[in-house]
C-alpha atoms as a PDB file:
ATOM      1  CA  MET A   1      43.704  18.317 -29.641  1.00  0.00           C
ATOM      2  CA  PRO A   2      44.251  15.586 -32.336  1.00  0.00           C
ATOM      3  CA  THR A   3      47.804  15.529 -33.813  1.00  0.00           C
ATOM      4  CA  VAL A   4      49.628  13.901 -36.709  1.00  0.00           C
ATOM      5  CA  LEU A   5      52.818  12.262 -35.475  1.00  0.00           C
ATOM      6  CA  GLY A   6      55.979  12.201 -37.435  1.00  0.00           C
ATOM      7  CA  GLY A   7      59.730  12.743 -37.128  1.00  0.00           C
ATOM      8  CA  LEU A   8      60.595   9.105 -37.911  1.00  0.00           C
ATOM      9  CA  GLY A   9      59.381   8.855 -41.446  1.00  0.00           C
ATOM     10  CA  LEU A  10      56.594   6.554 -40.331  1.00  0.00           C
ATOM     11  CA  ASP A  11      53.119   6.351 -41.741  1.00  0.00           C
ATOM     12  CA  PRO A  12      50.537   6.896 -38.901  1.00  0.00           C
ATOM     13  CA  GLU A  13      48.003   4.850 -40.834  1.00  0.00           C
ATOM     14  CA  ASP A  14      50.273   1.772 -40.592  1.00  0.00           C
ATOM     15  CA  PRO A  15      50.996   0.981 -36.877  1.00  0.00           C
ATOM     16  CA  GLY A  16      52.925  -2.147 -37.883  1.00  0.00           C
ATOM     17  CA  GLN A  17      55.924   0.045 -39.019  1.00  0.00           C
ATOM     18  CA  TYR A  18      56.656   0.893 -35.477  1.00  0.00           C
ATOM     19  CA  ARG A  19      57.652  -2.692 -34.734  1.00  0.00           C
ATOM     20  CA  ALA A  20      60.329  -2.404 -37.406  1.00  0.00           C
ATOM     21  CA  VAL A  21      62.142   0.482 -35.807  1.00  0.00           C
ATOM     22  CA  ASP A  22      65.300  -0.469 -33.816  1.00  0.00           C
ATOM     23  CA  ALA A  23      64.176  -0.049 -30.219  1.00  0.00           C
ATOM     24  CA  GLY A  24      67.744   0.480 -29.054  1.00  0.00           C
ATOM     25  CA  ALA A  25      68.377   3.387 -31.456  1.00  0.00           C
ATOM     26  CA  VAL A  26      65.066   5.159 -30.829  1.00  0.00           C
ATOM     27  CA  GLY A  27      63.811   6.506 -27.532  1.00  0.00           C
ATOM     28  CA  GLY A  28      67.198   6.318 -25.685  1.00  0.00           C
ATOM     29  CA  GLY A  29      67.003   2.586 -25.181  1.00  0.00           C
ATOM     30  CA  THR A  30      63.607   2.740 -23.470  1.00  0.00           C
ATOM     31  CA  GLY A  31      61.971   0.414 -25.980  1.00  0.00           C
ATOM     32  CA  HIS A  32      59.555   3.162 -27.067  1.00  0.00           C
ATOM     33  CA  PRO A  33      59.857   5.278 -30.202  1.00  0.00           C
ATOM     34  CA  ARG A  34      60.333   9.002 -29.576  1.00  0.00           C
ATOM     35  CA  LEU A  35      57.422  10.720 -31.460  1.00  0.00           C
ATOM     36  CA  SER A  36      57.025  14.446 -32.166  1.00  0.00           C
ATOM     37  CA  PRO A  37      53.865  16.233 -33.438  1.00  0.00           C
ATOM     38  CA  LEU A  38      53.942  17.078 -37.128  1.00  0.00           C
ATOM     39  CA  GLU A  39      51.001  19.492 -37.093  1.00  0.00           C
ATOM     40  CA  THR A  40      47.982  20.371 -35.005  1.00  0.00           C
ATOM     41  CA  LEU A  41      44.499  19.907 -36.423  1.00  0.00           C
ATOM     42  CA  PRO A  42      41.585  22.210 -35.465  1.00  0.00           C
ATOM     43  CA  ALA A  43      39.193  20.907 -32.762  1.00  0.00           C
ATOM     44  CA  TRP A  44      36.154  19.002 -33.871  1.00  0.00           C
ATOM     45  CA  PRO A  45      33.191  21.408 -33.722  1.00  0.00           C
ATOM     46  CA  ARG A  46      30.413  20.410 -31.402  1.00  0.00           C
ATOM     47  CA  GLY A  47      26.896  21.717 -31.736  1.00  0.00           C
ATOM     48  CA  TRP A  48      24.361  21.225 -28.894  1.00  0.00           C
ATOM     49  CA  SER A  49      20.639  21.458 -29.495  1.00  0.00           C
ATOM     50  CA  ARG A  50      19.987  22.791 -25.980  1.00  0.00           C
ATOM     51  CA  PRO A  51      22.093  25.110 -23.695  1.00  0.00           C
ATOM     52  CA  SER A  52      23.886  23.521 -20.828  1.00  0.00           C
ATOM     53  CA  VAL A  53      22.357  23.576 -17.321  1.00  0.00           C
ATOM     54  CA  ALA A  54      23.449  26.513 -15.293  1.00  0.00           C
ATOM     55  CA  ARG A  55      25.691  25.953 -12.315  1.00  0.00           C
ATOM     56  CA  PRO A  56      23.757  25.882  -8.975  1.00  0.00           C
ATOM     57  CA  ASP A  57      23.435  29.115  -7.072  1.00  0.00           C
ATOM     58  CA  ARG A  58      25.335  28.569  -3.772  1.00  0.00           C
ATOM     59  CA  GLU A  59      23.258  31.195  -1.994  1.00  0.00           C
ATOM     60  CA  LEU A  60      20.045  29.716  -3.264  1.00  0.00           C
ATOM     61  CA  MET A  61      21.131  26.197  -2.327  1.00  0.00           C
ATOM     62  CA  SER A  62      21.928  27.279   1.219  1.00  0.00           C
ATOM     63  CA  ARG A  63      18.425  28.732   1.828  1.00  0.00           C
ATOM     64  CA  ARG A  64      15.841  26.521   3.667  1.00  0.00           C
ATOM     65  CA  PRO A  65      12.962  25.565   1.440  1.00  0.00           C
ATOM     66  CA  ALA A  66       9.641  27.123   2.111  1.00  0.00           C
ATOM     67  CA  TYR A  67       7.332  24.946   4.333  1.00  0.00           C
ATOM     68  CA  THR A  68       4.171  23.704   2.634  1.00  0.00           C
ATOM     69  CA  PRO A  69       1.751  22.084   5.105  1.00  0.00           C
ATOM     70  CA  LEU A  70       0.034  18.816   4.049  1.00  0.00           C
ATOM     71  CA  LEU A  71      -3.447  20.317   4.710  1.00  0.00           C
ATOM     72  CA  ALA A  72      -4.767  23.357   2.868  1.00  0.00           C
ATOM     73  CA  PRO A  73      -4.058  26.335   5.198  1.00  0.00           C
ATOM     74  CA  LEU A  74      -7.352  28.062   4.557  1.00  0.00           C
ATOM     75  CA  SER A  75      -9.465  25.012   5.440  1.00  0.00           C
ATOM     76  CA  THR A  76      -7.347  23.398   8.219  1.00  0.00           C
ATOM     77  CA  ALA A  77      -9.221  24.999  11.081  1.00  0.00           C
ATOM     78  CA  ALA A  78     -12.647  23.985   9.655  1.00  0.00           C
ATOM     79  CA  LEU A  79     -11.369  20.465   8.942  1.00  0.00           C
ATOM     80  CA  LEU A  80     -10.043  20.010  12.465  1.00  0.00           C
ATOM     81  CA  GLU A  81     -13.199  21.368  14.001  1.00  0.00           C
ATOM     82  CA  ALA A  82     -15.264  18.906  12.003  1.00  0.00           C
ATOM     83  CA  ALA A  83     -13.096  15.982  13.032  1.00  0.00           C
ATOM     84  CA  LEU A  84     -12.464  16.816  16.692  1.00  0.00           C
ATOM     85  CA  ALA A  85     -15.788  18.333  17.868  1.00  0.00           C
ATOM     86  CA  GLY A  86     -18.081  16.235  19.954  1.00  0.00           C
ATOM     87  CA  THR A  87     -21.681  16.742  20.893  1.00  0.00           C
ATOM     88  CA  ALA A  88     -23.384  17.835  24.092  1.00  0.00           C
ATOM     89  CA  PRO A  89     -27.077  18.440  25.086  1.00  0.00           C
ATOM     90  CA  GLU A  90     -26.660  22.212  25.406  1.00  0.00           C
ATOM     91  CA  GLY A  91     -29.104  23.530  22.765  1.00  0.00           C
ATOM     92  CA  GLU A  92     -32.795  24.504  23.009  1.00  0.00           C
ATOM     93  CA  VAL A  93     -35.137  22.495  25.135  1.00  0.00           C
ATOM     94  CA  GLU A  94     -36.663  19.405  23.426  1.00  0.00           C
ATOM     95  CA  VAL A  95     -40.325  20.313  23.984  1.00  0.00           C
ATOM     96  CA  GLU A  96     -41.796  17.158  22.446  1.00  0.00           C
ATOM     97  CA  THR A  97     -39.571  14.871  24.436  1.00  0.00           C
ATOM     98  CA  THR A  98     -40.376  16.736  27.632  1.00  0.00           C
ATOM     99  CA  VAL A  99     -44.153  16.520  27.075  1.00  0.00           C
ATOM    100  CA  ASP A 100     -43.869  12.793  26.199  1.00  0.00           C
ATOM    101  CA  PHE A 101     -42.140  12.093  29.472  1.00  0.00           C
ATOM    102  CA  LEU A 102     -44.568  14.063  31.543  1.00  0.00           C
ATOM    103  CA  ALA A 103     -47.562  12.474  29.750  1.00  0.00           C
ATOM    104  CA  ARG A 104     -46.323   9.014  30.597  1.00  0.00           C
ATOM    105  CA  GLY A 105     -45.644  10.008  34.241  1.00  0.00           C
ATOM    106  CA  LEU A 106     -41.901   9.397  33.973  1.00  0.00           C
ATOM    107  CA  PRO A 107     -39.501  11.288  36.228  1.00  0.00           C
ATOM    108  CA  LEU A 108     -37.894  14.357  34.624  1.00  0.00           C
ATOM    109  CA  THR A 109     -34.605  14.934  36.313  1.00  0.00           C
ATOM    110  CA  GLU A 110     -33.486  17.626  33.896  1.00  0.00           C
ATOM    111  CA  LEU A 111     -34.678  19.229  30.782  1.00  0.00           C
ATOM    112  CA  PRO A 112     -33.769  17.370  27.596  1.00  0.00           C
ATOM    113  CA  ARG A 113     -31.970  19.710  25.090  1.00  0.00           C
ATOM    114  CA  ARG A 114     -30.824  19.540  21.514  1.00  0.00           C
ATOM    115  CA  MET A 115     -27.341  18.399  20.672  1.00  0.00           C
ATOM    116  CA  LEU A 116     -24.783  20.963  19.884  1.00  0.00           C
ATOM    117  CA  ARG A 117     -21.292  20.493  18.509  1.00  0.00           C
ATOM    118  CA  THR A 118     -18.581  21.445  20.952  1.00  0.00           C
ATOM    119  CA  LEU A 119     -14.852  21.224  21.606  1.00  0.00           C
ATOM    120  CA  ARG A 120     -15.117  21.631  25.333  1.00  0.00           C
ATOM    121  CA  HIS A 121     -14.461  17.870  25.945  1.00  0.00           C
ATOM    122  CA  GLY A 122     -10.850  18.321  24.796  1.00  0.00           C
ATOM    123  CA  VAL A 123      -8.476  16.492  22.514  1.00  0.00           C
ATOM    124  CA  GLN A 124      -5.653  14.018  23.122  1.00  0.00           C
ATOM    125  CA  ILE A 125      -2.989  14.086  20.355  1.00  0.00           C
ATOM    126  CA  LEU A 126      -0.877  10.978  19.923  1.00  0.00           C
ATOM    127  CA  VAL A 127       2.271  11.746  17.937  1.00  0.00           C
ATOM    128  CA  ASP A 128       4.115   8.775  16.370  1.00  0.00           C
ATOM    129  CA  HIS A 129       7.866   9.154  16.699  1.00  0.00           C
ATOM    130  CA  GLY A 130       8.655   5.877  14.879  1.00  0.00           C
ATOM    131  CA  PRO A 131      11.089   5.727  11.898  1.00  0.00           C
ATOM    132  CA  ALA A 132       8.186   5.793   9.358  1.00  0.00           C
ATOM    133  CA  MET A 133       7.049   9.203  10.601  1.00  0.00           C
ATOM    134  CA  GLN A 134      10.436  10.954  10.900  1.00  0.00           C
ATOM    135  CA  LEU A 135       9.951  12.617   7.522  1.00  0.00           C
ATOM    136  CA  PHE A 136       6.704  14.240   8.758  1.00  0.00           C
ATOM    137  CA  SER A 137       7.993  15.525  12.082  1.00  0.00           C
ATOM    138  CA  ARG A 138       7.563  19.171  11.005  1.00  0.00           C
ATOM    139  CA  ASP A 139       4.043  18.485   9.854  1.00  0.00           C
ATOM    140  CA  GLN A 140       3.216  16.873  13.148  1.00  0.00           C
ATOM    141  CA  THR A 141       4.586  19.903  15.059  1.00  0.00           C
ATOM    142  CA  GLN A 142       2.660  22.377  12.952  1.00  0.00           C
ATOM    143  CA  LEU A 143      -0.618  20.457  13.252  1.00  0.00           C
ATOM    144  CA  CYS A 144      -0.309  20.159  17.044  1.00  0.00           C
ATOM    145  CA  GLU A 145       0.049  23.911  17.171  1.00  0.00           C
ATOM    146  CA  ARG A 146      -3.063  24.379  15.093  1.00  0.00           C
ATOM    147  CA  VAL A 147      -5.053  22.047  17.370  1.00  0.00           C
ATOM    148  CA  GLU A 148      -3.864  23.886  20.474  1.00  0.00           C
ATOM    149  CA  ALA A 149      -4.915  27.189  18.902  1.00  0.00           C
ATOM    150  CA  LEU A 150      -8.345  25.799  18.051  1.00  0.00           C
ATOM    151  CA  VAL A 151      -9.169  23.791  21.149  1.00  0.00           C
ATOM    152  CA  GLY A 152      -7.091  25.648  23.720  1.00  0.00           C
ATOM    153  CA  LYS A 153      -3.829  24.550  25.373  1.00  0.00           C
ATOM    154  CA  GLU A 154      -5.628  23.666  28.624  1.00  0.00           C
ATOM    155  CA  LYS A 155      -7.882  21.234  26.703  1.00  0.00           C
ATOM    156  CA  THR A 156      -5.125  19.640  24.614  1.00  0.00           C
ATOM    157  CA  GLU A 157      -3.025  16.790  25.862  1.00  0.00           C
ATOM    158  CA  LEU A 158       0.000  15.878  23.746  1.00  0.00           C
ATOM    159  CA  LEU A 159       1.501  12.423  24.112  1.00  0.00           C
ATOM    160  CA  ARG A 160       4.328  10.698  22.164  1.00  0.00           C
ATOM    161  CA  PHE A 161       4.717   7.078  21.269  1.00  0.00           C
ATOM    162  CA  ALA A 162       6.499   4.842  18.749  1.00  0.00           C
ATOM    163  CA  TYR A 163       4.881   2.187  16.494  1.00  0.00           C
ATOM    164  CA  ALA A 164       1.710   1.744  18.659  1.00  0.00           C
ATOM    165  CA  PRO A 165       0.378   3.603  21.759  1.00  0.00           C
ATOM    166  CA  LEU A 166      -0.326   0.518  23.775  1.00  0.00           C
ATOM    167  CA  ARG A 167       3.418  -0.193  23.860  1.00  0.00           C
ATOM    168  CA  GLY A 168       3.875   3.000  26.021  1.00  0.00           C
ATOM    169  CA  ALA A 169       3.260   6.671  25.617  1.00  0.00           C
ATOM    170  CA  GLY A 170       4.226   9.862  27.441  1.00  0.00           C
ATOM    171  CA  LYS A 171       4.896  13.611  27.256  1.00  0.00           C
ATOM    172  CA  GLY A 172       8.678  13.439  27.584  1.00  0.00           C
ATOM    173  CA  PRO A 173      11.562  11.294  26.277  1.00  0.00           C
ATOM    174  CA  PHE A 174      10.828   7.642  25.540  1.00  0.00           C
ATOM    175  CA  TRP A 175      12.441   6.368  28.764  1.00  0.00           C
ATOM    176  CA  THR A 176       9.705   8.271  30.694  1.00  0.00           C
ATOM    177  CA  TRP A 177       6.817   6.658  28.738  1.00  0.00           C
ATOM    178  CA  ARG A 178       4.278   4.658  30.724  1.00  0.00           C
ATOM    179  CA  THR A 179       1.143   2.520  30.041  1.00  0.00           C
ATOM    180  CA  TYR A 180      -1.156   4.526  27.815  1.00  0.00           C
ATOM    181  CA  GLN A 181      -4.253   6.056  29.417  1.00  0.00           C
ATOM    182  CA  PRO A 182      -7.196   7.189  27.319  1.00  0.00           C
ATOM    183  CA  PRO A 183      -8.607  10.683  27.869  1.00  0.00           C
ATOM    184  CA  PRO A 184     -11.849  11.567  29.774  1.00  0.00           C
ATOM    185  CA  ARG A 185     -15.211  10.687  28.269  1.00  0.00           C
ATOM    186  CA  GLY A 186     -16.235  12.725  25.254  1.00  0.00           C
ATOM    187  CA  SER A 187     -12.722  13.590  24.238  1.00  0.00           C
ATOM    188  CA  ALA A 188     -11.326  13.056  20.746  1.00  0.00           C
ATOM    189  CA  VAL A 189      -8.120  11.042  20.288  1.00  0.00           C
ATOM    190  CA  LEU A 190      -6.217  12.314  17.212  1.00  0.00           C
ATOM    191  CA  LEU A 191      -3.480   9.938  15.862  1.00  0.00           C
ATOM    192  CA  LEU A 192      -0.685  11.368  13.747  1.00  0.00           C
ATOM    193  CA  SER A 193       0.714   8.014  12.597  1.00  0.00           C
ATOM    194  CA  ASP A 194       1.060   5.682   9.683  1.00  0.00           C
ATOM    195  CA  CYS A 195      -0.632   2.881  11.778  1.00  0.00           C
ATOM    196  CA  GLY A 196       1.956   0.388  10.585  1.00  0.00           C
ATOM    197  CA  THR A 197       1.136   0.825   6.873  1.00  0.00           C
ATOM    198  CA  ILE A 198       4.575   2.220   5.834  1.00  0.00           C
ATOM    199  CA  GLY A 199       8.101   2.099   7.183  1.00  0.00           C
ATOM    200  CA  PRO A 200      11.545   0.538   6.604  1.00  0.00           C
ATOM    201  CA  PRO A 201      11.342  -2.935   4.973  1.00  0.00           C
ATOM    202  CA  GLY A 202      12.037  -5.830   7.393  1.00  0.00           C
ATOM    203  CA  ASP A 203      11.308  -3.726  10.495  1.00  0.00           C
ATOM    204  CA  HIS A 204      10.150  -6.417  12.968  1.00  0.00           C
ATOM    205  CA  ARG A 205       8.876  -3.740  15.361  1.00  0.00           C
ATOM    206  CA  ARG A 206       6.197  -2.454  12.932  1.00  0.00           C
ATOM    207  CA  SER A 207       2.798  -2.390  14.551  1.00  0.00           C
ATOM    208  CA  ARG A 208       0.203  -4.996  13.643  1.00  0.00           C
ATOM    209  CA  PRO A 209      -3.587  -4.646  12.889  1.00  0.00           C
ATOM    210  CA  ALA A 210      -4.455  -6.400  16.176  1.00  0.00           C
ATOM    211  CA  GLU A 211      -2.707  -3.666  18.189  1.00  0.00           C
ATOM    212  CA  TRP A 212      -4.717  -0.885  16.484  1.00  0.00           C
ATOM    213  CA  ARG A 213      -7.965  -2.800  17.010  1.00  0.00           C
ATOM    214  CA  GLU A 214      -7.219  -3.177  20.759  1.00  0.00           C
ATOM    215  CA  PHE A 215      -6.272   0.475  20.879  1.00  0.00           C
ATOM    216  CA  ALA A 216      -9.506   1.673  19.299  1.00  0.00           C
ATOM    217  CA  ALA A 217     -11.621  -0.543  21.574  1.00  0.00           C
ATOM    218  CA  GLU A 218      -9.779   0.753  24.705  1.00  0.00           C
ATOM    219  CA  VAL A 219     -10.421   4.325  23.732  1.00  0.00           C
ATOM    220  CA  ARG A 220     -14.126   3.650  23.102  1.00  0.00           C
ATOM    221  CA  ARG A 221     -14.539   1.861  26.377  1.00  0.00           C
ATOM    222  CA  HIS A 222     -13.541   5.144  28.035  1.00  0.00           C
ATOM    223  CA  GLY A 223     -16.177   7.005  25.997  1.00  0.00           C
ATOM    224  CA  ALA A 224     -13.632   8.765  23.805  1.00  0.00           C
ATOM    225  CA  ARG A 225     -13.422   8.893  19.895  1.00  0.00           C
ATOM    226  CA  PRO A 226     -10.330   7.664  18.097  1.00  0.00           C
ATOM    227  CA  LEU A 227      -9.462   9.010  14.611  1.00  0.00           C
ATOM    228  CA  GLY A 228      -6.299   9.291  12.631  1.00  0.00           C
ATOM    229  CA  LEU A 229      -4.422  11.317  10.021  1.00  0.00           C
ATOM    230  CA  LEU A 230      -2.202   9.187   7.817  1.00  0.00           C
ATOM    231  CA  PRO A 231       0.430  10.604   5.370  1.00  0.00           C
ATOM    232  CA  LEU A 232      -0.538   8.428   2.438  1.00  0.00           C
ATOM    233  CA  PRO A 233      -3.349   8.368  -0.146  1.00  0.00           C
ATOM    234  CA  ARG A 234      -6.781   7.104   0.816  1.00  0.00           C
ATOM    235  CA  ASP A 235      -6.621   4.278  -1.796  1.00  0.00           C
ATOM    236  CA  ARG A 236      -3.614   2.893   0.006  1.00  0.00           C
ATOM    237  CA  PHE A 237      -5.432   2.379   3.327  1.00  0.00           C
ATOM    238  CA  PRO A 238      -5.608  -1.328   4.198  1.00  0.00           C
ATOM    239  CA  ALA A 239      -9.174  -2.575   4.410  1.00  0.00           C
ATOM    240  CA  TRP A 240      -9.012  -3.306   8.147  1.00  0.00           C
ATOM    241  CA  LEU A 241      -8.061   0.268   9.129  1.00  0.00           C
ATOM    242  CA  PRO A 242     -11.219   2.294   8.212  1.00  0.00           C
ATOM    243  CA  ALA A 243     -13.250  -0.401   9.734  1.00  0.00           C
ATOM    244  CA  THR A 244     -11.310   0.033  13.017  1.00  0.00           C
ATOM    245  CA  MET A 245     -11.649   3.774  13.396  1.00  0.00           C
ATOM    246  CA  PRO A 246     -12.206   6.929  11.161  1.00  0.00           C
ATOM    247  CA  VAL A 247      -9.015   7.668   9.272  1.00  0.00           C
ATOM    248  CA  PHE A 248      -8.176  10.419   6.806  1.00  0.00           C
ATOM    249  CA  ALA A 249      -5.528  11.029   4.196  1.00  0.00           C
ATOM    250  CA  TRP A 250      -3.163  13.725   5.441  1.00  0.00           C
ATOM    251  CA  ASP A 251      -3.127  15.753   2.227  1.00  0.00           C
ATOM    252  CA  ARG A 252      -5.027  18.509   0.538  1.00  0.00           C
ATOM    253  CA  GLY A 253      -7.488  16.146  -1.122  1.00  0.00           C
ATOM    254  CA  THR A 254      -9.318  15.680   2.210  1.00  0.00           C
ATOM    255  CA  THR A 255     -12.311  17.975   2.490  1.00  0.00           C
ATOM    256  CA  VAL A 256     -14.474  19.119   5.367  1.00  0.00           C
ATOM    257  CA  GLY A 257     -17.464  17.403   3.882  1.00  0.00           C
ATOM    258  CA  HIS A 258     -15.685  14.017   3.762  1.00  0.00           C
ATOM    259  CA  VAL A 259     -14.527  14.322   7.413  1.00  0.00           C
ATOM    260  CA  THR A 260     -17.987  15.345   8.616  1.00  0.00           C
ATOM    261  CA  ALA A 261     -19.614  12.387   6.988  1.00  0.00           C
ATOM    262  CA  ARG A 262     -16.997   9.964   8.281  1.00  0.00           C
ATOM    263  CA  VAL A 263     -17.010  11.046  11.949  1.00  0.00           C
ATOM    264  CA  ALA A 264     -20.723  11.690  12.389  1.00  0.00           C
ATOM    265  CA  PRO A 265     -21.472   8.080  13.589  1.00  0.00           C
ATOM    266  CA  ALA A 266     -18.615   8.179  16.066  1.00  0.00           C
ATOM    267  CA  GLN A 267     -19.761  11.545  17.431  1.00  0.00           C
ATOM    268  CA  ALA A 268     -23.231  10.204  18.114  1.00  0.00           C
ATOM    269  CA  GLY A 269     -21.849   7.222  20.082  1.00  0.00           C
ATOM    270  CA  CYS A 270     -19.518   8.897  22.482  1.00  0.00           C
ATOM    271  CA  GLY A 271     -19.597  11.592  25.080  1.00  0.00           C
ATOM    272  CA  ALA A 272     -22.496  13.015  27.206  1.00  0.00           C
ATOM    273  CA  ASN A 273     -24.890  13.236  24.248  1.00  0.00           C
ATOM    274  CA  SER A 274     -27.957  11.206  25.198  1.00  0.00           C
ATOM    275  CA  VAL A 275     -31.309  12.678  26.095  1.00  0.00           C
ATOM    276  CA  LEU A 276     -31.855  13.408  29.834  1.00  0.00           C
ATOM    277  CA  GLY A 277     -28.086  13.104  30.495  1.00  0.00           C
ATOM    278  CA  GLY A 278     -27.908   9.321  30.129  1.00  0.00           C
ATOM    279  CA  GLU A 279     -24.844   7.366  28.970  1.00  0.00           C
ATOM    280  CA  GLY A 280     -24.240   7.621  25.216  1.00  0.00           C
END
């Protein structure tokens, strides 16, 4: 509260008068004048245009926020099926192809059939546990559960790695990781990683493009299909990454149609999907 000081016959508007007071006679020899309030003025009124922010609710702050998955829940199963399914000659008999082989006198070891989409080849999930993906650990766990529910636990292999799979991968703690082994022919290899595109600045362990090119080539040599989900927008993908393998933005803007169009060429090039059971 502002006050008007008095008691010494001094004008508060003229601070210089204080220097004229005998310091020894005032204030008990302390060198400071003893001042007493003359009157109390009313507080200056304050008017706010907006009400103040309410204090945080402790009970509300203690609650764990609701989990919102990165992919739209209603379309996640269809999106995963479009990305992970391979092809196999298990449809109707290809009559025209059969007649053509017989007309040319070629041996017909088995009936050629139309290609059908299937998940029976299985899926290998590679979960990146590097520092850049720590924020998305809950999303990784949730997506692995969705894949197991879709493909089947016996057809799903879950491996962990950090930075790049070729540096080592395994099912348990990092000290048990061994040299990475691609899955059987026809399988899909799903990466839940940033592929070295994000992470702490100055991290010398961050993966390099050459490591991912070598990884994709190794997977394809075994007849499997690599693809990745990255937790960043599509326009932030480096140019080399989509040219290496199919990759998708791990967010709700990714649609089933986009995934289907992107993985179709890879599905046609891997697995037991050639006519008469040849190598595809």
